[in-house]
Amino acid sequence: MELKELIYKTRSYRRFDESRHISYEELISLVNLARLSASAANRQPLKYLLYNTPEDCNRIFPSIAWAGYLKEWQGPISGERPSGYVIILGDNSITESFGIDHGIAAQSIMLGATEAGLGGCMIASIKREELRKTLDIPDRFEILLILALGKPVEKIVIDHVKDDDIKYWRDENMTHHVPKRSLDEVIIKL
């Protein structure tokens, strides 16, 4: 898959075929892409927790807030939930500033997931203390992002922003619409 197509297909999927198991080896392969990605001052302060069992996924799910613009939607129903998670942590024993490292790492993982026929969603809206207790995460680690992964079952359409409304939405067929600003709007000349 060429880079442009890979980026176009890498969307924020929130509904999955939960029966499609993600192996631990697949998760390791995705994290290896993050490990090889850029890191500020080459500190490499990120650590990763990998989960792929239904039991672990069910423990993580309640600590996530899904799709803030879809107020009436409480997240994916049973059968459409992620079948794997990568939790990105910042190791405070290395540095207390993680900059944009976790964004770079997350995008590398998501591009790799798309290439492997998977999809996912980067989630920063996390009940962090609840998750810390549930997974017994030591205090030295800052919870930065959760990547929910699985085989996507939803259709996502990119629309043009209208009336400056950037909120994503779903139509009657549950097609997920994501408004994007035009190229002319994002490139400026001073």
Protein backbone atom coordinates (compact mmCIF):
# COMPACT_ATOMS: atom_id res chain seq x y z
CA MET A 1 0.00 0.00 0.00
CA GLU A 2 1.48 3.38 -0.93
CA LEU A 3 1.91 6.02 1.77
CA LYS A 4 -0.94 8.29 0.62
CA GLU A 5 -3.42 5.39 0.64
CA LEU A 6 -2.12 4.18 4.00
CA ILE A 7 -2.66 7.63 5.57
CA TYR A 8 -6.10 7.97 3.96
CA LYS A 9 -7.20 4.58 5.36
CA THR A 10 -5.80 5.25 8.84
CA ARG A 11 -8.90 6.67 10.52
CA SER A 12 -10.19 6.67 14.11
CA TYR A 13 -12.23 3.47 14.12
CA ARG A 14 -14.43 2.88 17.15
CA ARG A 15 -16.35 -0.26 16.16
CA PHE A 16 -14.63 -3.59 15.49
CA ASP A 17 -15.19 -7.27 14.76
CA GLU A 18 -14.36 -8.44 18.26
CA SER A 19 -14.05 -12.04 17.07
CA ARG A 20 -10.89 -11.15 15.10
CA HIS A 21 -8.18 -11.99 17.63
CA ILE A 22 -5.02 -9.88 17.62
CA SER A 23 -2.01 -11.97 18.55
CA TYR A 24 0.57 -10.82 21.05
CA GLU A 25 3.15 -11.09 18.26
CA GLU A 26 1.12 -8.63 16.14
CA LEU A 27 1.10 -6.17 19.04
CA ILE A 28 4.86 -6.58 19.50
CA SER A 29 5.39 -5.95 15.78
CA LEU A 30 3.35 -2.73 15.98
CA VAL A 31 5.24 -1.50 19.05
CA ASN A 32 8.50 -2.21 17.23
CA LEU A 33 7.45 0.42 14.66
CA ALA A 34 7.02 2.90 17.50
CA ARG A 35 10.35 1.91 19.02
CA LEU A 36 12.11 2.71 15.74
CA SER A 37 10.36 6.10 15.37
CA ALA A 38 11.76 9.49 16.29
CA SER A 39 12.14 10.50 19.94
CA ALA A 40 13.09 13.95 21.27
CA ALA A 41 16.81 14.01 22.16
CA ASN A 42 16.64 10.24 21.50
CA ARG A 43 15.63 9.75 25.16
CA GLN A 44 13.18 6.96 24.28
CA PRO A 45 11.13 7.39 27.47
CA LEU A 46 8.03 5.53 26.30
CA LYS A 47 6.97 2.14 27.62
CA TYR A 48 4.10 0.01 26.32
CA LEU A 49 1.56 -2.28 27.93
CA LEU A 50 0.07 -4.84 25.53
CA TYR A 51 -3.26 -6.58 26.02
CA ASN A 52 -5.09 -9.02 23.75
CA THR A 53 -7.20 -11.33 25.88
CA PRO A 54 -10.94 -10.79 26.26
CA GLU A 55 -10.52 -10.70 30.05
CA ASP A 56 -7.90 -7.93 29.93
CA CYS A 57 -9.76 -5.99 27.24
CA ASN A 58 -12.91 -6.07 29.42
CA ARG A 59 -10.90 -4.67 32.34
CA ILE A 60 -9.56 -1.76 30.25
CA PHE A 61 -12.79 -0.83 28.43
CA PRO A 62 -14.56 0.94 31.36
CA SER A 63 -11.61 3.36 31.77
CA ILE A 64 -12.10 4.83 28.29
CA ALA A 65 -14.38 7.66 27.20
CA TRP A 66 -15.43 7.11 23.58
CA ALA A 67 -16.29 9.73 20.92
CA GLY A 68 -16.94 12.99 22.77
CA TYR A 69 -19.00 14.49 19.93
CA LEU A 70 -21.41 11.54 19.94
CA LYS A 71 -23.07 12.40 23.27
CA GLU A 72 -25.72 9.66 23.11
CA TRP A 73 -23.21 6.91 22.26
CA GLN A 74 -21.57 5.13 25.19
CA GLY A 75 -18.99 3.33 23.10
CA PRO A 76 -18.94 0.10 21.16
CA ILE A 77 -21.34 -2.63 22.20
CA SER A 78 -20.25 -6.16 23.06
CA GLY A 79 -19.07 -7.85 19.87
CA GLU A 80 -17.84 -4.51 18.46
CA ARG A 81 -15.24 -3.73 21.09
CA PRO A 82 -11.46 -3.69 20.55
CA SER A 83 -9.69 -7.03 20.64
CA GLY A 84 -6.37 -5.49 21.61
CA TYR A 85 -4.92 -2.47 23.38
CA VAL A 86 -1.57 -0.76 23.47
CA ILE A 87 -1.23 1.58 26.43
CA ILE A 88 1.54 4.14 25.99
CA LEU A 89 3.26 5.20 29.18
CA GLY A 90 5.90 7.83 29.88
CA ASP A 91 8.70 6.68 32.16
CA ASN A 92 9.36 9.53 34.62
CA SER A 93 12.64 7.90 35.66
CA ILE A 94 13.99 8.81 32.20
CA THR A 95 12.40 12.25 31.80
CA GLU A 96 9.36 14.14 33.04
CA SER A 97 8.68 15.70 29.64
CA PHE A 98 7.43 13.45 26.86
CA GLY A 99 6.79 16.19 24.32
CA ILE A 100 5.20 14.73 21.23
CA ASP A 101 6.94 11.36 21.40
CA HIS A 102 3.72 9.50 22.18
CA GLY A 103 1.95 11.13 19.22
CA ILE A 104 4.71 10.03 16.87
CA ALA A 105 4.71 6.53 18.36
CA ALA A 106 0.92 6.25 18.20
CA GLN A 107 0.79 7.28 14.55
CA SER A 108 3.50 4.75 13.68
CA ILE A 109 1.47 2.02 15.40
CA MET A 110 -1.75 3.09 13.67
CA LEU A 111 -0.13 3.14 10.23
CA GLY A 112 1.26 -0.34 10.90
CA ALA A 113 -2.15 -1.53 12.07
CA THR A 114 -3.76 -0.25 8.87
CA GLU A 115 -1.13 -1.97 6.76
CA ALA A 116 -1.88 -5.22 8.65
CA GLY A 117 -5.62 -4.95 7.91
CA LEU A 118 -6.48 -3.64 11.36
CA GLY A 119 -7.61 -0.25 12.60
CA GLY A 120 -7.85 1.61 15.81
CA CYS A 121 -8.41 4.75 17.76
CA MET A 122 -5.96 6.88 19.74
CA ILE A 123 -7.65 7.72 23.01
CA ALA A 124 -6.50 10.38 25.47
CA SER A 125 -9.83 10.65 27.29
CA ILE A 126 -8.94 8.13 29.97
CA LYS A 127 -10.00 7.61 33.57
CA ARG A 128 -6.32 7.47 34.48
CA GLU A 129 -6.48 6.73 38.20
CA GLU A 130 -9.11 4.04 37.63
CA LEU A 131 -6.92 2.44 34.95
CA ARG A 132 -3.80 2.75 37.13
CA LYS A 133 -5.56 0.82 39.92
CA THR A 134 -7.12 -1.75 37.58
CA LEU A 135 -3.79 -2.61 35.94
CA ASP A 136 -1.58 -1.88 38.97
CA ILE A 137 0.54 0.62 37.00
CA PRO A 138 3.40 1.98 39.14
CA ASP A 139 3.40 5.72 39.89
CA ARG A 140 6.65 6.29 37.99
CA PHE A 141 4.71 5.83 34.73
CA GLU A 142 2.47 8.54 33.32
CA ILE A 143 -0.49 7.17 31.33
CA LEU A 144 -0.32 9.07 28.02
CA LEU A 145 -2.54 7.31 25.46
CA ILE A 146 -4.55 4.17 24.89
CA LEU A 147 -4.62 2.69 21.40
CA ALA A 148 -7.74 0.57 20.93
CA LEU A 149 -7.17 -1.92 18.11
CA GLY A 150 -9.23 -4.36 16.12
CA LYS A 151 -10.66 -5.28 12.74
CA PRO A 152 -12.83 -2.27 11.77
CA VAL A 153 -16.49 -2.88 10.96
CA GLU A 154 -17.53 0.71 10.37
CA LYS A 155 -17.39 2.85 7.29
CA ILE A 156 -15.72 6.23 7.66
CA VAL A 157 -16.22 9.03 5.15
CA ILE A 158 -14.17 12.21 4.96
CA ASP A 159 -16.33 15.27 4.30
CA HIS A 160 -15.49 18.93 3.78
CA VAL A 161 -15.98 21.22 6.77
CA LYS A 162 -19.20 23.24 6.37
CA ASP A 163 -19.99 26.37 8.37
CA ASP A 164 -16.79 25.81 10.38
CA ASP A 165 -18.37 22.71 12.03
CA ILE A 166 -15.58 20.17 12.61
CA LYS A 167 -17.63 17.72 14.73
CA TYR A 168 -17.71 14.16 13.45
CA TRP A 169 -21.13 12.51 13.24
CA ARG A 170 -22.97 9.36 12.17
CA ASP A 171 -25.76 9.08 9.68
CA GLU A 172 -28.79 6.76 9.80
CA ASN A 173 -26.66 3.91 8.34
CA MET A 174 -24.05 4.36 11.11
CA THR A 175 -21.55 5.68 8.56
CA HIS A 176 -19.08 7.81 10.48
CA HIS A 177 -18.50 11.23 8.86
CA VAL A 178 -15.33 13.19 9.61
CA PRO A 179 -15.21 16.80 8.36
CA LYS A 180 -11.75 17.96 7.26
CA ARG A 181 -10.68 21.49 6.42
CA SER A 182 -9.60 22.06 2.82
CA LEU A 183 -5.95 22.23 1.84
CA ASP A 184 -6.42 25.92 1.01
CA GLU A 185 -7.57 26.55 4.60
CA VAL A 186 -4.61 24.83 6.25
CA ILE A 187 -1.84 26.33 4.11
CA ILE A 188 -1.32 29.98 4.89
CA LYS A 189 0.94 32.64 3.43
CA LEU A 190 2.31 35.41 5.61
